[in-house]
mmCIF file of all heavy atoms, coordinates in Angstrom:
data_MODEL
# 
_entry.id   MODEL 
# 
loop_
_atom_site.group_PDB 
_atom_site.id 
_atom_site.type_symbol 
_atom_site.label_atom_id 
_atom_site.label_alt_id 
_atom_site.label_comp_id 
_atom_site.label_asym_id 
_atom_site.label_entity_id 
_atom_site.label_seq_id 
_atom_site.pdbx_PDB_ins_code 
_atom_site.Cartn_x 
_atom_site.Cartn_y 
_atom_site.Cartn_z 
_atom_site.occupancy 
_atom_site.B_iso_or_equiv 
_atom_site.pdbx_formal_charge 
_atom_site.auth_seq_id 
_atom_site.auth_comp_id 
_atom_site.auth_asym_id 
_atom_site.auth_atom_id 
_atom_site.pdbx_PDB_model_num 
ATOM 1   N N   . ARG A 1 1  ? 0.813   -1.219 0.000   1.00 0.00 ? 1  ARG A N   1 
ATOM 2   C CA  . ARG A 1 1  ? 0.000   0.000  0.000   1.00 0.00 ? 1  ARG A CA  1 
ATOM 3   C C   . ARG A 1 1  ? 0.854   1.281  0.000   1.00 0.00 ? 1  ARG A C   1 
ATOM 4   O O   . ARG A 1 1  ? 0.572   2.223  -0.741  1.00 0.00 ? 1  ARG A O   1 
ATOM 5   C CB  . ARG A 1 1  ? -0.929  -0.010 1.212   1.00 0.00 ? 1  ARG A CB  1 
ATOM 6   C CG  . ARG A 1 1  ? -1.741  1.269  1.364   1.00 0.00 ? 1  ARG A CG  1 
ATOM 7   C CD  . ARG A 1 1  ? -2.548  1.297  2.664   1.00 0.00 ? 1  ARG A CD  1 
ATOM 8   N NE  . ARG A 1 1  ? -3.100  2.617  2.883   1.00 0.00 ? 1  ARG A NE  1 
ATOM 9   C CZ  . ARG A 1 1  ? -4.229  3.065  2.365   1.00 0.00 ? 1  ARG A CZ  1 
ATOM 10  N NH1 . ARG A 1 1  ? -4.957  2.270  1.591   1.00 0.00 ? 1  ARG A NH1 1 
ATOM 11  N NH2 . ARG A 1 1  ? -4.656  4.294  2.602   1.00 0.00 ? 1  ARG A NH2 1 
ATOM 12  N N   . ALA A 1 2  ? 1.889   1.322  0.810   1.00 0.00 ? 2  ALA A N   1 
ATOM 13  C CA  . ALA A 1 2  ? 2.710   2.532  0.933   1.00 0.00 ? 2  ALA A CA  1 
ATOM 14  C C   . ALA A 1 2  ? 3.405   2.880  -0.384  1.00 0.00 ? 2  ALA A C   1 
ATOM 15  O O   . ALA A 1 2  ? 3.620   4.057  -0.694  1.00 0.00 ? 2  ALA A O   1 
ATOM 16  C CB  . ALA A 1 2  ? 3.740   2.352  2.035   1.00 0.00 ? 2  ALA A CB  1 
ATOM 17  N N   . GLN A 1 3  ? 3.768   1.877  -1.170  1.00 0.00 ? 3  GLN A N   1 
ATOM 18  C CA  . GLN A 1 3  ? 4.432   2.111  -2.446  1.00 0.00 ? 3  GLN A CA  1 
ATOM 19  C C   . GLN A 1 3  ? 3.436   2.358  -3.575  1.00 0.00 ? 3  GLN A C   1 
ATOM 20  O O   . GLN A 1 3  ? 3.753   3.018  -4.556  1.00 0.00 ? 3  GLN A O   1 
ATOM 21  C CB  . GLN A 1 3  ? 5.299   0.893  -2.810  1.00 0.00 ? 3  GLN A CB  1 
ATOM 22  C CG  . GLN A 1 3  ? 6.398   0.609  -1.805  1.00 0.00 ? 3  GLN A CG  1 
ATOM 23  C CD  . GLN A 1 3  ? 7.034   -0.748 -2.042  1.00 0.00 ? 3  GLN A CD  1 
ATOM 24  O OE1 . GLN A 1 3  ? 6.559   -1.774 -1.542  1.00 0.00 ? 3  GLN A OE1 1 
ATOM 25  N NE2 . GLN A 1 3  ? 8.107   -0.747 -2.813  1.00 0.00 ? 3  GLN A NE2 1 
ATOM 26  N N   . CYS A 1 4  ? 2.228   1.845  -3.396  1.00 0.00 ? 4  CYS A N   1 
ATOM 27  C CA  . CYS A 1 4  ? 1.231   1.869  -4.473  1.00 0.00 ? 4  CYS A CA  1 
ATOM 28  C C   . CYS A 1 4  ? 0.413   3.160  -4.489  1.00 0.00 ? 4  CYS A C   1 
ATOM 29  O O   . CYS A 1 4  ? 0.097   3.689  -5.550  1.00 0.00 ? 4  CYS A O   1 
ATOM 30  C CB  . CYS A 1 4  ? 0.302   0.663  -4.336  1.00 0.00 ? 4  CYS A CB  1 
ATOM 31  S SG  . CYS A 1 4  ? -0.931  0.536  -5.651  1.00 0.00 ? 4  CYS A SG  1 
ATOM 32  N N   . THR A 1 5  ? 0.044   3.676  -3.324  1.00 0.00 ? 5  THR A N   1 
ATOM 33  C CA  . THR A 1 5  ? -0.858  4.830  -3.272  1.00 0.00 ? 5  THR A CA  1 
ATOM 34  C C   . THR A 1 5  ? -0.498  5.772  -2.127  1.00 0.00 ? 5  THR A C   1 
ATOM 35  O O   . THR A 1 5  ? 0.088   5.350  -1.122  1.00 0.00 ? 5  THR A O   1 
ATOM 36  C CB  . THR A 1 5  ? -2.320  4.362  -3.108  1.00 0.00 ? 5  THR A CB  1 
ATOM 37  O OG1 . THR A 1 5  ? -3.170  5.505  -3.070  1.00 0.00 ? 5  THR A OG1 1 
ATOM 38  C CG2 . THR A 1 5  ? -2.500  3.562  -1.832  1.00 0.00 ? 5  THR A CG2 1 
ATOM 39  N N   . LYS A 1 6  ? -0.869  7.035  -2.310  1.00 0.00 ? 6  LYS A N   1 
ATOM 40  C CA  . LYS A 1 6  ? -0.678  8.045  -1.270  1.00 0.00 ? 6  LYS A CA  1 
ATOM 41  C C   . LYS A 1 6  ? -2.011  8.404  -0.616  1.00 0.00 ? 6  LYS A C   1 
ATOM 42  O O   . LYS A 1 6  ? -2.108  9.415  0.077   1.00 0.00 ? 6  LYS A O   1 
ATOM 43  C CB  . LYS A 1 6  ? -0.041  9.294  -1.866  1.00 0.00 ? 6  LYS A CB  1 
ATOM 44  C CG  . LYS A 1 6  ? 1.380   9.072  -2.367  1.00 0.00 ? 6  LYS A CG  1 
ATOM 45  C CD  . LYS A 1 6  ? 1.955   10.354 -2.927  1.00 0.00 ? 6  LYS A CD  1 
ATOM 46  C CE  . LYS A 1 6  ? 3.382   10.115 -3.449  1.00 0.00 ? 6  LYS A CE  1 
ATOM 47  N NZ  . LYS A 1 6  ? 3.955   11.350 -4.030  1.00 0.00 ? 6  LYS A NZ  1 
ATOM 48  N N   . ALA A 1 7  ? -3.018  7.574  -0.848  1.00 0.00 ? 7  ALA A N   1 
ATOM 49  C CA  . ALA A 1 7  ? -4.337  7.831  -0.266  1.00 0.00 ? 7  ALA A CA  1 
ATOM 50  C C   . ALA A 1 7  ? -4.288  7.707  1.256   1.00 0.00 ? 7  ALA A C   1 
ATOM 51  O O   . ALA A 1 7  ? -3.481  6.960  1.814   1.00 0.00 ? 7  ALA A O   1 
ATOM 52  C CB  . ALA A 1 7  ? -5.364  6.855  -0.841  1.00 0.00 ? 7  ALA A CB  1 
ATOM 53  N N   . ARG A 1 8  ? -5.149  8.461  1.920   1.00 0.00 ? 8  ARG A N   1 
ATOM 54  C CA  . ARG A 1 8  ? -5.193  8.420  3.372   1.00 0.00 ? 8  ARG A CA  1 
ATOM 55  C C   . ARG A 1 8  ? -5.692  7.065  3.862   1.00 0.00 ? 8  ARG A C   1 
ATOM 56  O O   . ARG A 1 8  ? -6.305  6.305  3.116   1.00 0.00 ? 8  ARG A O   1 
ATOM 57  C CB  . ARG A 1 8  ? -6.118  9.518  3.892   1.00 0.00 ? 8  ARG A CB  1 
ATOM 58  C CG  . ARG A 1 8  ? -5.634  10.928 3.593   1.00 0.00 ? 8  ARG A CG  1 
ATOM 59  C CD  . ARG A 1 8  ? -6.620  11.945 4.117   1.00 0.00 ? 8  ARG A CD  1 
ATOM 60  N NE  . ARG A 1 8  ? -6.179  13.308 3.833   1.00 0.00 ? 8  ARG A NE  1 
ATOM 61  C CZ  . ARG A 1 8  ? -6.879  14.385 4.127   1.00 0.00 ? 8  ARG A CZ  1 
ATOM 62  N NH1 . ARG A 1 8  ? -8.078  14.248 4.724   1.00 0.00 ? 8  ARG A NH1 1 
ATOM 63  N NH2 . ARG A 1 8  ? -6.417  15.582 3.833   1.00 0.00 ? 8  ARG A NH2 1 
ATOM 64  N N   . GLU A 1 9  ? -5.407  6.805  5.141   1.00 0.00 ? 9  GLU A N   1 
ATOM 65  C CA  . GLU A 1 9  ? -5.850  5.550  5.747   1.00 0.00 ? 9  GLU A CA  1 
ATOM 66  C C   . GLU A 1 9  ? -7.384  5.458  5.674   1.00 0.00 ? 9  GLU A C   1 
ATOM 67  O O   . GLU A 1 9  ? -8.099  6.404  5.979   1.00 0.00 ? 9  GLU A O   1 
ATOM 68  C CB  . GLU A 1 9  ? -5.415  5.492  7.212   1.00 0.00 ? 9  GLU A CB  1 
ATOM 69  C CG  . GLU A 1 9  ? -3.921  5.307  7.402   1.00 0.00 ? 9  GLU A CG  1 
ATOM 70  C CD  . GLU A 1 9  ? -3.425  3.961  6.893   1.00 0.00 ? 9  GLU A CD  1 
ATOM 71  O OE1 . GLU A 1 9  ? -4.229  2.996  6.904   1.00 0.00 ? 9  GLU A OE1 1 
ATOM 72  O OE2 . GLU A 1 9  ? -2.259  3.871  6.481   1.00 0.00 ? 9  GLU A OE2 1 
ATOM 73  N N   . GLY A 1 10 ? -7.834  4.274  5.259   1.00 0.00 ? 10 GLY A N   1 
ATOM 74  C CA  . GLY A 1 10 ? -9.275  4.072  5.106   1.00 0.00 ? 10 GLY A CA  1 
ATOM 75  C C   . GLY A 1 10 ? -9.752  4.267  3.683   1.00 0.00 ? 10 GLY A C   1 
ATOM 76  O O   . GLY A 1 10 ? -10.853 3.832  3.330   1.00 0.00 ? 10 GLY A O   1 
ATOM 77  N N   . ASN A 1 11 ? -8.924  4.937  2.840   1.00 0.00 ? 11 ASN A N   1 
ATOM 78  C CA  . ASN A 1 11 ? -9.270  5.113  1.432   1.00 0.00 ? 11 ASN A CA  1 
ATOM 79  C C   . ASN A 1 11 ? -8.497  4.119  0.584   1.00 0.00 ? 11 ASN A C   1 
ATOM 80  O O   . ASN A 1 11 ? -7.375  3.745  0.919   1.00 0.00 ? 11 ASN A O   1 
ATOM 81  C CB  . ASN A 1 11 ? -8.952  6.537  0.968   1.00 0.00 ? 11 ASN A CB  1 
ATOM 82  C CG  . ASN A 1 11 ? -9.807  7.571  1.669   1.00 0.00 ? 11 ASN A CG  1 
ATOM 83  O OD1 . ASN A 1 11 ? -10.891 7.257  2.165   1.00 0.00 ? 11 ASN A OD1 1 
ATOM 84  N ND2 . ASN A 1 11 ? -9.322  8.802  1.719   1.00 0.00 ? 11 ASN A ND2 1 
ATOM 85  N N   . ASN A 1 12 ? -9.097  3.709  -0.507  1.00 0.00 ? 12 ASN A N   1 
ATOM 86  C CA  . ASN A 1 12 ? -8.495  2.714  -1.393  1.00 0.00 ? 12 ASN A CA  1 
ATOM 87  C C   . ASN A 1 12 ? -7.882  3.379  -2.625  1.00 0.00 ? 12 ASN A C   1 
ATOM 88  O O   . ASN A 1 12 ? -8.171  4.535  -2.939  1.00 0.00 ? 12 ASN A O   1 
ATOM 89  C CB  . ASN A 1 12 ? -9.544  1.694  -1.828  1.00 0.00 ? 12 ASN A CB  1 
ATOM 90  C CG  . ASN A 1 12 ? -10.122 0.916  -0.655  1.00 0.00 ? 12 ASN A CG  1 
ATOM 91  O OD1 . ASN A 1 12 ? -9.394  0.527  0.272   1.00 0.00 ? 12 ASN A OD1 1 
ATOM 92  N ND2 . ASN A 1 12 ? -11.425 0.683  -0.650  1.00 0.00 ? 12 ASN A ND2 1 
ATOM 93  N N   . ARG A 1 13 ? -7.042  2.607  -3.316  1.00 0.00 ? 13 ARG A N   1 
ATOM 94  C CA  . ARG A 1 13 ? -6.394  3.093  -4.545  1.00 0.00 ? 13 ARG A CA  1 
ATOM 95  C C   . ARG A 1 13 ? -7.453  3.315  -5.624  1.00 0.00 ? 13 ARG A C   1 
ATOM 96  O O   . ARG A 1 13 ? -8.302  2.459  -5.871  1.00 0.00 ? 13 ARG A O   1 
ATOM 97  C CB  . ARG A 1 13 ? -5.349  2.069  -5.038  1.00 0.00 ? 13 ARG A CB  1 
ATOM 98  C CG  . ARG A 1 13 ? -4.743  2.385  -6.397  1.00 0.00 ? 13 ARG A CG  1 
ATOM 99  C CD  . ARG A 1 13 ? -3.823  3.574  -6.330  1.00 0.00 ? 13 ARG A CD  1 
ATOM 100 N NE  . ARG A 1 13 ? -3.362  3.990  -7.656  1.00 0.00 ? 13 ARG A NE  1 
ATOM 101 C CZ  . ARG A 1 13 ? -2.248  3.542  -8.234  1.00 0.00 ? 13 ARG A CZ  1 
ATOM 102 N NH1 . ARG A 1 13 ? -1.483  2.663  -7.621  1.00 0.00 ? 13 ARG A NH1 1 
ATOM 103 N NH2 . ARG A 1 13 ? -1.886  3.997  -9.413  1.00 0.00 ? 13 ARG A NH2 1 
ATOM 104 N N   . ARG A 1 14 ? -7.366  4.503  -6.269  1.00 0.00 ? 14 ARG A N   1 
ATOM 105 C CA  . ARG A 1 14 ? -8.312  4.838  -7.331  1.00 0.00 ? 14 ARG A CA  1 
ATOM 106 C C   . ARG A 1 14 ? -7.540  5.148  -8.614  1.00 0.00 ? 14 ARG A C   1 
ATOM 107 O O   . ARG A 1 14 ? -6.424  5.648  -8.591  1.00 0.00 ? 14 ARG A O   1 
ATOM 108 C CB  . ARG A 1 14 ? -9.172  6.045  -6.945  1.00 0.00 ? 14 ARG A CB  1 
ATOM 109 C CG  . ARG A 1 14 ? -10.010 5.810  -5.709  1.00 0.00 ? 14 ARG A CG  1 
ATOM 110 C CD  . ARG A 1 14 ? -10.728 7.085  -5.288  1.00 0.00 ? 14 ARG A CD  1 
ATOM 111 N NE  . ARG A 1 14 ? -11.801 7.418  -6.204  1.00 0.00 ? 14 ARG A NE  1 
ATOM 112 C CZ  . ARG A 1 14 ? -12.523 8.544  -6.142  1.00 0.00 ? 14 ARG A CZ  1 
ATOM 113 N NH1 . ARG A 1 14 ? -12.253 9.425  -5.196  1.00 0.00 ? 14 ARG A NH1 1 
ATOM 114 N NH2 . ARG A 1 14 ? -13.491 8.767  -6.990  1.00 0.00 ? 14 ARG A NH2 1 
ATOM 115 N N   . ILE A 1 15 ? -8.180  4.837  -9.732  1.00 0.00 ? 15 ILE A N   1 
ATOM 116 C CA  . ILE A 1 15 ? -7.604  5.120  -11.047 1.00 0.00 ? 15 ILE A CA  1 
ATOM 117 C C   . ILE A 1 15 ? -8.577  6.027  -11.806 1.00 0.00 ? 15 ILE A C   1 
ATOM 118 O O   . ILE A 1 15 ? -9.776  5.725  -11.896 1.00 0.00 ? 15 ILE A O   1 
ATOM 119 C CB  . ILE A 1 15 ? -7.375  3.825  -11.854 1.00 0.00 ? 15 ILE A CB  1 
ATOM 120 C CG1 . ILE A 1 15 ? -6.373  2.910  -11.146 1.00 0.00 ? 15 ILE A CG1 1 
ATOM 121 C CG2 . ILE A 1 15 ? -6.893  4.150  -13.259 1.00 0.00 ? 15 ILE A CG2 1 
ATOM 122 C CD1 . ILE A 1 15 ? -6.253  1.546  -11.799 1.00 0.00 ? 15 ILE A CD1 1 
ATOM 123 N N   . LEU A 1 16 ? -8.044  7.134  -12.328 1.00 0.00 ? 16 LEU A N   1 
ATOM 124 C CA  . LEU A 1 16 ? -8.829  8.008  -13.206 1.00 0.00 ? 16 LEU A CA  1 
ATOM 125 C C   . LEU A 1 16 ? -8.367  7.747  -14.633 1.00 0.00 ? 16 LEU A C   1 
ATOM 126 O O   . LEU A 1 16 ? -7.248  8.094  -15.006 1.00 0.00 ? 16 LEU A O   1 
ATOM 127 C CB  . LEU A 1 16 ? -8.635  9.467  -12.827 1.00 0.00 ? 16 LEU A CB  1 
ATOM 128 C CG  . LEU A 1 16 ? -9.097  9.879  -11.425 1.00 0.00 ? 16 LEU A CG  1 
ATOM 129 C CD1 . LEU A 1 16 ? -8.800  11.343 -11.177 1.00 0.00 ? 16 LEU A CD1 1 
ATOM 130 C CD2 . LEU A 1 16 ? -10.578 9.612  -11.258 1.00 0.00 ? 16 LEU A CD2 1 
ATOM 131 N N   . TYR A 1 17 ? -9.232  7.116  -15.413 1.00 0.00 ? 17 TYR A N   1 
ATOM 132 C CA  . TYR A 1 17 ? -8.876  6.682  -16.766 1.00 0.00 ? 17 TYR A CA  1 
ATOM 133 C C   . TYR A 1 17 ? -9.621  7.546  -17.788 1.00 0.00 ? 17 TYR A C   1 
ATOM 134 O O   . TYR A 1 17 ? -10.850 7.507  -17.868 1.00 0.00 ? 17 TYR A O   1 
ATOM 135 C CB  . TYR A 1 17 ? -9.238  5.210  -16.947 1.00 0.00 ? 17 TYR A CB  1 
ATOM 136 C CG  . TYR A 1 17 ? -8.787  4.604  -18.257 1.00 0.00 ? 17 TYR A CG  1 
ATOM 137 C CD1 . TYR A 1 17 ? -7.486  4.149  -18.415 1.00 0.00 ? 17 TYR A CD1 1 
ATOM 138 C CD2 . TYR A 1 17 ? -9.670  4.485  -19.331 1.00 0.00 ? 17 TYR A CD2 1 
ATOM 139 C CE1 . TYR A 1 17 ? -7.073  3.593  -19.610 1.00 0.00 ? 17 TYR A CE1 1 
ATOM 140 C CE2 . TYR A 1 17 ? -9.269  3.929  -20.527 1.00 0.00 ? 17 TYR A CE2 1 
ATOM 141 C CZ  . TYR A 1 17 ? -7.963  3.484  -20.666 1.00 0.00 ? 17 TYR A CZ  1 
ATOM 142 O OH  . TYR A 1 17 ? -7.552  2.932  -21.840 1.00 0.00 ? 17 TYR A OH  1 
ATOM 143 N N   . ASN A 1 18 ? -8.849  8.354  -18.529 1.00 0.00 ? 18 ASN A N   1 
ATOM 144 C CA  . ASN A 1 18 ? -9.428  9.201  -19.578 1.00 0.00 ? 18 ASN A CA  1 
ATOM 145 C C   . ASN A 1 18 ? -9.373  8.439  -20.894 1.00 0.00 ? 18 ASN A C   1 
ATOM 146 O O   . ASN A 1 18 ? -8.323  8.341  -21.535 1.00 0.00 ? 18 ASN A O   1 
ATOM 147 C CB  . ASN A 1 18 ? -8.645  10.521 -19.674 1.00 0.00 ? 18 ASN A CB  1 
ATOM 148 C CG  . ASN A 1 18 ? -9.314  11.515 -20.602 1.00 0.00 ? 18 ASN A CG  1 
ATOM 149 O OD1 . ASN A 1 18 ? -10.117 11.152 -21.459 1.00 0.00 ? 18 ASN A OD1 1 
ATOM 150 N ND2 . ASN A 1 18 ? -8.977  12.780 -20.430 1.00 0.00 ? 18 ASN A ND2 1 
ATOM 151 N N   . GLU A 1 19 ? -10.490 7.886  -21.280 1.00 0.00 ? 19 GLU A N   1 
ATOM 152 C CA  . GLU A 1 19 ? -10.532 7.001  -22.442 1.00 0.00 ? 19 GLU A CA  1 
ATOM 153 C C   . GLU A 1 19 ? -10.137 7.724  -23.729 1.00 0.00 ? 19 GLU A C   1 
ATOM 154 O O   . GLU A 1 19 ? -9.366  7.200  -24.537 1.00 0.00 ? 19 GLU A O   1 
ATOM 155 C CB  . GLU A 1 19 ? -11.947 6.411  -22.576 1.00 0.00 ? 19 GLU A CB  1 
ATOM 156 C CG  . GLU A 1 19 ? -12.020 5.244  -23.537 1.00 0.00 ? 19 GLU A CG  1 
ATOM 157 C CD  . GLU A 1 19 ? -13.366 4.529  -23.464 1.00 0.00 ? 19 GLU A CD  1 
ATOM 158 O OE1 . GLU A 1 19 ? -14.255 5.017  -22.745 1.00 0.00 ? 19 GLU A OE1 1 
ATOM 159 O OE2 . GLU A 1 19 ? -13.509 3.500  -24.128 1.00 0.00 ? 19 GLU A OE2 1 
ATOM 160 N N   . ARG A 1 20 ? -10.653 8.933  -23.916 1.00 0.00 ? 20 ARG A N   1 
ATOM 161 C CA  . ARG A 1 20 ? -10.349 9.673  -25.148 1.00 0.00 ? 20 ARG A CA  1 
ATOM 162 C C   . ARG A 1 20 ? -8.859  10.017 -25.214 1.00 0.00 ? 20 ARG A C   1 
ATOM 163 O O   . ARG A 1 20 ? -8.238  9.899  -26.278 1.00 0.00 ? 20 ARG A O   1 
ATOM 164 C CB  . ARG A 1 20 ? -11.174 10.956 -25.194 1.00 0.00 ? 20 ARG A CB  1 
ATOM 165 C CG  . ARG A 1 20 ? -10.835 11.839 -26.386 1.00 0.00 ? 20 ARG A CG  1 
ATOM 166 C CD  . ARG A 1 20 ? -11.622 13.133 -26.369 1.00 0.00 ? 20 ARG A CD  1 
ATOM 167 N NE  . ARG A 1 20 ? -12.992 12.934 -26.779 1.00 0.00 ? 20 ARG A NE  1 
ATOM 168 C CZ  . ARG A 1 20 ? -13.847 13.929 -26.999 1.00 0.00 ? 20 ARG A CZ  1 
ATOM 169 N NH1 . ARG A 1 20 ? -13.456 15.175 -26.805 1.00 0.00 ? 20 ARG A NH1 1 
ATOM 170 N NH2 . ARG A 1 20 ? -15.086 13.690 -27.369 1.00 0.00 ? 20 ARG A NH2 1 
ATOM 171 N N   . TRP A 1 21 ? -8.282  10.436 -24.097 1.00 0.00 ? 21 TRP A N   1 
ATOM 172 C CA  . TRP A 1 21 ? -6.867  10.774 -24.067 1.00 0.00 ? 21 TRP A CA  1 
ATOM 173 C C   . TRP A 1 21 ? -6.005  9.562  -24.362 1.00 0.00 ? 21 TRP A C   1 
ATOM 174 O O   . TRP A 1 21 ? -4.999  9.658  -25.106 1.00 0.00 ? 21 TRP A O   1 
ATOM 175 C CB  . TRP A 1 21 ? -6.517  11.374 -22.714 1.00 0.00 ? 21 TRP A CB  1 
ATOM 176 C CG  . TRP A 1 21 ? -5.073  11.665 -22.479 1.00 0.00 ? 21 TRP A CG  1 
ATOM 177 C CD1 . TRP A 1 21 ? -4.300  11.203 -21.464 1.00 0.00 ? 21 TRP A CD1 1 
ATOM 178 C CD2 . TRP A 1 21 ? -4.215  12.509 -23.265 1.00 0.00 ? 21 TRP A CD2 1 
ATOM 179 N NE1 . TRP A 1 21 ? -3.031  11.703 -21.551 1.00 0.00 ? 21 TRP A NE1 1 
ATOM 180 C CE2 . TRP A 1 21 ? -2.933  12.512 -22.652 1.00 0.00 ? 21 TRP A CE2 1 
ATOM 181 C CE3 . TRP A 1 21 ? -4.404  13.247 -24.426 1.00 0.00 ? 21 TRP A CE3 1 
ATOM 182 C CZ2 . TRP A 1 21 ? -1.866  13.215 -23.162 1.00 0.00 ? 21 TRP A CZ2 1 
ATOM 183 C CZ3 . TRP A 1 21 ? -3.322  13.962 -24.941 1.00 0.00 ? 21 TRP A CZ3 1 
ATOM 184 C CH2 . TRP A 1 21 ? -2.076  13.936 -24.312 1.00 0.00 ? 21 TRP A CH2 1 
ATOM 185 N N   . GLU A 1 22 ? -6.360  8.406  -23.834 1.00 0.00 ? 22 GLU A N   1 
ATOM 186 C CA  . GLU A 1 22 ? -5.594  7.185  -24.100 1.00 0.00 ? 22 GLU A CA  1 
ATOM 187 C C   . GLU A 1 22 ? -5.684  6.796  -25.569 1.00 0.00 ? 22 GLU A C   1 
ATOM 188 O O   . GLU A 1 22 ? -4.705  6.321  -26.163 1.00 0.00 ? 22 GLU A O   1 
ATOM 189 C CB  . GLU A 1 22 ? -6.103  6.043  -23.215 1.00 0.00 ? 22 GLU A CB  1 
ATOM 190 C CG  . GLU A 1 22 ? -5.875  6.250  -21.721 1.00 0.00 ? 22 GLU A CG  1 
ATOM 191 C CD  . GLU A 1 22 ? -4.409  6.385  -21.354 1.00 0.00 ? 22 GLU A CD  1 
ATOM 192 O OE1 . GLU A 1 22 ? -3.560  5.782  -22.046 1.00 0.00 ? 22 GLU A OE1 1 
ATOM 193 O OE2 . GLU A 1 22 ? -4.100  7.096  -20.384 1.00 0.00 ? 22 GLU A OE2 1 
ATOM 194 N N   . GLN A 1 23 ? -6.851  7.004  -26.185 1.00 0.00 ? 23 GLN A N   1 
ATOM 195 C CA  . GLN A 1 23 ? -6.998  6.722  -27.613 1.00 0.00 ? 23 GLN A CA  1 
ATOM 196 C C   . GLN A 1 23 ? -6.132  7.665  -28.446 1.00 0.00 ? 23 GLN A C   1 
ATOM 197 O O   . GLN A 1 23 ? -5.509  7.253  -29.435 1.00 0.00 ? 23 GLN A O   1 
ATOM 198 C CB  . GLN A 1 23 ? -8.467  6.850  -28.018 1.00 0.00 ? 23 GLN A CB  1 
ATOM 199 C CG  . GLN A 1 23 ? -9.366  5.754  -27.476 1.00 0.00 ? 23 GLN A CG  1 
ATOM 200 C CD  . GLN A 1 23 ? -10.834 6.031  -27.733 1.00 0.00 ? 23 GLN A CD  1 
ATOM 201 O OE1 . GLN A 1 23 ? -11.201 7.080  -28.254 1.00 0.00 ? 23 GLN A OE1 1 
ATOM 202 N NE2 . GLN A 1 23 ? -11.683 5.080  -27.372 1.00 0.00 ? 23 GLN A NE2 1 
ATOM 203 N N   . GLN A 1 24 ? -6.096  8.928  -28.045 1.00 0.00 ? 24 GLN A N   1 
ATOM 204 C CA  . GLN A 1 24 ? -5.266  9.900  -28.762 1.00 0.00 ? 24 GLN A CA  1 
ATOM 205 C C   . GLN A 1 24 ? -3.791  9.559  -28.637 1.00 0.00 ? 24 GLN A C   1 
ATOM 206 O O   . GLN A 1 24 ? -3.033  9.684  -29.614 1.00 0.00 ? 24 GLN A O   1 
ATOM 207 C CB  . GLN A 1 24 ? -5.532  11.303 -28.221 1.00 0.00 ? 24 GLN A CB  1 
ATOM 208 C CG  . GLN A 1 24 ? -6.900  11.853 -28.577 1.00 0.00 ? 24 GLN A CG  1 
ATOM 209 C CD  . GLN A 1 24 ? -7.214  13.155 -27.865 1.00 0.00 ? 24 GLN A CD  1 
ATOM 210 O OE1 . GLN A 1 24 ? -6.552  13.518 -26.892 1.00 0.00 ? 24 GLN A OE1 1 
ATOM 211 N NE2 . GLN A 1 24 ? -8.230  13.858 -28.335 1.00 0.00 ? 24 GLN A NE2 1 
ATOM 212 N N   . LYS A 1 25 ? -3.375  9.117  -27.470 1.00 0.00 ? 25 LYS A N   1 
ATOM 213 C CA  . LYS A 1 25 ? -1.979  8.725  -27.279 1.00 0.00 ? 25 LYS A CA  1 
ATOM 214 C C   . LYS A 1 25 ? -1.631  7.512  -28.144 1.00 0.00 ? 25 LYS A C   1 
ATOM 215 O O   . LYS A 1 25 ? -0.557  7.463  -28.766 1.00 0.00 ? 25 LYS A O   1 
ATOM 216 C CB  . LYS A 1 25 ? -1.727  8.415  -25.804 1.00 0.00 ? 25 LYS A CB  1 
ATOM 217 C CG  . LYS A 1 25 ? -1.659  9.656  -24.919 1.00 0.00 ? 25 LYS A CG  1 
ATOM 218 C CD  . LYS A 1 25 ? -1.772  9.328  -23.442 1.00 0.00 ? 25 LYS A CD  1 
ATOM 219 C CE  . LYS A 1 25 ? -0.627  8.482  -22.960 1.00 0.00 ? 25 LYS A CE  1 
ATOM 220 N NZ  . LYS A 1 25 ? -0.709  8.229  -21.493 1.00 0.00 ? 25 LYS A NZ  1 
ATOM 221 N N   . ALA A 1 26 ? -2.532  6.562  -28.203 1.00 0.00 ? 26 ALA A N   1 
ATOM 222 C CA  . ALA A 1 26 ? -2.299  5.377  -29.028 1.00 0.00 ? 26 ALA A CA  1 
ATOM 223 C C   . ALA A 1 26 ? -2.215  5.753  -30.509 1.00 0.00 ? 26 ALA A C   1 
ATOM 224 O O   . ALA A 1 26 ? -1.373  5.220  -31.258 1.00 0.00 ? 26 ALA A O   1 
ATOM 225 C CB  . ALA A 1 26 ? -3.423  4.363  -28.795 1.00 0.00 ? 26 ALA A CB  1 
ATOM 226 N N   . TYR A 1 27 ? -3.069  6.679  -30.934 1.00 0.00 ? 27 TYR A N   1 
ATOM 227 C CA  . TYR A 1 27 ? -3.065  7.152  -32.327 1.00 0.00 ? 27 TYR A CA  1 
ATOM 228 C C   . TYR A 1 27 ? -1.752  7.851  -32.651 1.00 0.00 ? 27 TYR A C   1 
ATOM 229 O O   . TYR A 1 27 ? -1.165  7.647  -33.725 1.00 0.00 ? 27 TYR A O   1 
ATOM 230 C CB  . TYR A 1 27 ? -4.253  8.089  -32.524 1.00 0.00 ? 27 TYR A CB  1 
ATOM 231 C CG  . TYR A 1 27 ? -4.352  8.709  -33.896 1.00 0.00 ? 27 TYR A CG  1 
ATOM 232 C CD1 . TYR A 1 27 ? -4.489  7.926  -35.039 1.00 0.00 ? 27 TYR A CD1 1 
ATOM 233 C CD2 . TYR A 1 27 ? -4.307  10.096 -34.048 1.00 0.00 ? 27 TYR A CD2 1 
ATOM 234 C CE1 . TYR A 1 27 ? -4.583  8.513  -36.289 1.00 0.00 ? 27 TYR A CE1 1 
ATOM 235 C CE2 . TYR A 1 27 ? -4.400  10.680 -35.299 1.00 0.00 ? 27 TYR A CE2 1 
ATOM 236 C CZ  . TYR A 1 27 ? -4.543  9.886  -36.418 1.00 0.00 ? 27 TYR A CZ  1 
ATOM 237 O OH  . TYR A 1 27 ? -4.635  10.456 -37.659 1.00 0.00 ? 27 TYR A OH  1 
# 
């Protein structure tokens, strides 16, 4: 947990995935 996320205790790791941006990067 300490290496994976900086979220406070009690909060879980979250991912914000911008689908359009990832498609543009792939293009």
